[in-house]
Protein backbone atom coordinates (compact mmCIF):
# COMPACT_ATOMS: atom_id res chain seq x y z
CA UNK A 1 55.12 52.18 110.10
CA UNK A 2 58.76 51.24 108.42
CA UNK A 3 58.68 54.66 106.80
CA UNK A 4 57.83 56.38 110.27
CA UNK A 5 60.63 54.62 112.06
CA UNK A 6 63.57 55.74 109.73
CA UNK A 7 62.23 59.64 110.21
CA UNK A 8 61.93 59.18 113.63
CA UNK A 9 65.60 57.59 113.52
CA UNK A 10 66.67 60.18 111.14
CA UNK A 11 65.68 63.03 113.45
CA UNK A 12 67.35 61.49 116.63
CA UNK A 13 70.36 61.25 114.86
CA UNK A 14 70.50 64.71 113.73
CA UNK A 15 69.50 66.11 117.17
CA UNK A 16 72.09 63.99 118.93
CA UNK A 17 74.95 65.31 116.50
CA UNK A 18 73.63 68.71 117.02
CA UNK A 19 73.64 68.57 120.76
CA UNK A 20 77.58 66.92 120.86
CA UNK A 21 79.01 70.63 119.61
CA UNK A 22 81.39 72.21 122.39
CA UNK A 23 83.10 75.25 121.66
CA UNK A 24 86.85 74.98 121.44
CA UNK A 25 88.85 77.54 122.76
CA UNK A 26 92.55 76.80 121.89
CA UNK A 27 95.23 77.96 124.50
CA UNK A 28 96.69 80.26 122.00
CA UNK A 29 93.72 82.53 122.13
CA UNK A 30 94.05 83.21 125.66
CA UNK A 31 97.95 83.17 125.43
CA UNK A 32 99.14 87.32 126.68
CA UNK A 33 100.94 88.68 123.37
CA UNK A 34 102.24 91.72 122.82
CA UNK A 35 105.16 91.13 119.98
CA UNK A 36 106.52 94.33 117.77
CA UNK A 37 105.20 93.56 114.15
CA UNK A 38 107.72 95.40 111.82
CA UNK A 39 106.54 95.49 108.08
CA UNK A 40 108.28 97.50 105.34
CA UNK A 41 111.53 97.85 103.65
CA UNK A 42 114.59 99.88 103.16
CA UNK A 43 114.09 101.64 99.51
CA UNK A 44 117.14 102.97 98.65
CA UNK A 45 116.11 105.02 95.48
CA UNK A 46 112.73 106.06 96.98
CA UNK A 47 110.98 106.93 99.99
CA UNK A 48 111.10 103.93 102.77
CA UNK A 49 107.84 103.24 104.72
CA UNK A 50 107.88 100.96 107.65
CA UNK A 51 104.89 100.10 109.82
CA UNK A 52 104.96 99.19 113.36
CA UNK A 53 102.02 97.36 115.45
CA UNK A 54 101.71 95.03 118.19
CA UNK A 55 99.71 91.62 118.06
CA UNK A 56 96.70 91.65 119.32
CA UNK A 57 94.59 88.05 120.99
CA UNK A 58 92.12 86.65 118.77
CA UNK A 59 89.45 87.14 121.51
CA UNK A 60 89.84 91.04 121.97
CA UNK A 61 87.64 93.17 119.69
CA UNK A 62 90.50 95.30 118.37
CA UNK A 63 92.25 93.92 115.47
CA UNK A 64 94.75 96.53 115.36
CA UNK A 65 97.37 97.89 117.59
CA UNK A 66 99.56 100.54 116.08
CA UNK A 67 103.12 101.19 117.93
CA UNK A 68 102.74 104.88 118.14
CA UNK A 69 105.91 107.36 119.45
CA UNK A 70 108.14 105.02 118.46
CA UNK A 71 111.87 106.28 117.21
CA UNK A 72 112.61 104.87 113.73
CA UNK A 73 116.18 104.93 111.90
CA UNK A 74 117.90 103.41 109.21
CA UNK A 75 121.51 103.22 109.81
CA UNK A 76 124.44 102.18 107.24
CA UNK A 77 127.71 100.42 107.95
CA UNK A 78 129.24 102.99 107.26
CA UNK A 79 127.80 105.06 110.38
CA UNK A 80 125.13 107.05 108.84
CA UNK A 81 121.96 107.13 110.09
CA UNK A 82 118.32 108.45 108.70
CA UNK A 83 115.59 108.99 110.58
CA UNK A 84 112.17 108.46 109.81
CA UNK A 85 109.00 110.77 110.65
CA UNK A 86 105.74 109.31 112.25
CA UNK A 87 102.86 109.57 110.03
CA UNK A 88 100.66 108.21 112.78
CA UNK A 89 98.84 105.18 113.01
CA UNK A 90 101.98 103.31 113.37
CA UNK A 91 103.40 104.03 110.10
CA UNK A 92 106.90 105.71 109.99
CA UNK A 93 108.64 106.98 106.43
CA UNK A 94 111.19 109.06 104.91
CA UNK A 95 112.02 111.14 102.21
CA UNK A 96 113.61 109.68 99.19
CA UNK A 97 116.92 109.18 100.70
CA UNK A 98 119.08 107.75 97.43
CA UNK A 99 121.29 105.44 99.46
CA UNK A 100 124.23 103.71 97.58
CA UNK A 101 124.03 100.44 96.82
CA UNK A 102 127.27 99.51 97.63
CA UNK A 103 126.43 99.59 101.70
CA UNK A 104 124.58 97.86 103.96
CA UNK A 105 121.50 98.87 105.91
CA UNK A 106 119.67 98.04 108.89
CA UNK A 107 116.71 99.08 110.97
CA UNK A 108 116.58 100.41 114.57
CA UNK A 109 113.46 100.73 116.29
CA UNK A 110 113.23 102.29 120.09
CA UNK A 111 109.82 102.11 121.05
CA UNK A 112 107.74 104.52 123.43
CA UNK A 113 108.47 102.50 126.54
CA UNK A 114 112.18 102.25 126.09
CA UNK A 115 112.05 99.13 124.30
CA UNK A 116 115.04 98.82 121.33
CA UNK A 117 114.89 96.68 118.41
CA UNK A 118 118.09 96.56 115.68
CA UNK A 119 117.80 94.28 112.58
CA UNK A 120 120.84 93.12 111.14
CA UNK A 121 122.72 94.55 108.34
CA UNK A 122 121.58 93.44 104.74
CA UNK A 123 123.01 93.79 101.36
CA UNK A 124 120.96 96.03 98.83
CA UNK A 125 119.34 94.87 95.99
CA UNK A 126 118.17 96.75 92.91
CA UNK A 127 115.07 95.32 91.20
CA UNK A 128 115.86 94.85 87.54
CA UNK A 129 113.40 96.80 85.28
CA UNK A 130 110.15 95.50 83.95
CA UNK A 131 110.60 93.69 80.15
CA UNK A 132 106.83 93.63 79.45
CA UNK A 133 103.31 94.47 81.21
CA UNK A 134 100.19 92.22 80.08
CA UNK A 135 96.95 91.69 80.82
CA UNK A 136 94.08 89.09 80.47
CA UNK A 137 90.68 89.77 80.98
CA UNK A 138 88.59 86.59 81.85
CA UNK A 139 86.19 86.73 84.80
CA UNK A 140 88.83 88.50 86.79
CA UNK A 141 91.45 90.86 85.73
CA UNK A 142 94.92 89.32 85.68
CA UNK A 143 97.84 91.76 85.01
CA UNK A 144 101.55 90.15 84.34
CA UNK A 145 104.86 92.21 85.13
CA UNK A 146 107.39 90.33 83.54
CA UNK A 147 111.12 90.82 84.26
CA UNK A 148 114.62 89.15 84.43
CA UNK A 149 117.82 89.26 86.10
CA UNK A 150 120.80 88.39 83.86
CA UNK A 151 123.38 88.30 86.98
CA UNK A 152 120.77 86.05 88.46
CA UNK A 153 121.20 87.52 91.87
CA UNK A 154 117.44 88.11 92.29
CA UNK A 155 115.12 85.13 93.35
CA UNK A 156 112.02 87.16 94.65
CA UNK A 157 110.16 90.04 93.31
CA UNK A 158 107.17 91.82 95.30
CA UNK A 159 105.55 94.54 93.07
CA UNK A 160 103.16 97.17 94.61
CA UNK A 161 100.01 98.84 93.35
CA UNK A 162 97.44 101.07 93.64
CA UNK A 163 93.97 100.10 92.36
CA UNK A 164 92.02 102.66 91.05
CA UNK A 165 88.61 102.74 89.47
CA UNK A 166 86.73 105.08 86.98
CA UNK A 167 83.21 104.74 86.51
CA UNK A 168 80.77 106.69 83.71
CA UNK A 169 77.41 106.70 84.61
CA UNK A 170 74.86 106.85 81.58
CA UNK A 171 72.38 109.32 83.76
CA UNK A 172 73.42 112.48 85.59
């Protein structure tokens, strides 16, 4: 009898905890949002890529809302400007510009609905060359890129890579 009482008490406890769950919808999920998101950087020695999109509510089915038909230009503090071409899906790019590292640059964006956004002018930084590239294969493949800046003016590094795989099958 005592054993059955413990099981009944356990079942009642589990059912009461499960019945107490109430969905929580924080106010942020229902807030109106349409902020412009700018991803990219100005590359002074190679092509520049900038991606524009808008924020969406968490409750919407769509996770991406690209900003289409915008005019994106790079401006120099000397008055020069360099337009970026639209690639589609909110991506904008330029051919290699070979900009001067002495000048400062900013991004000017004019959206299709007439809104204008302008960043501050920023100094250019040249990434130091890679000293060594090593790898370690454990359960995961880890790749290490080592570099240093003798002038101590670069504190943060960002490395982009393209992941490619090749498989060889024993059978045709």
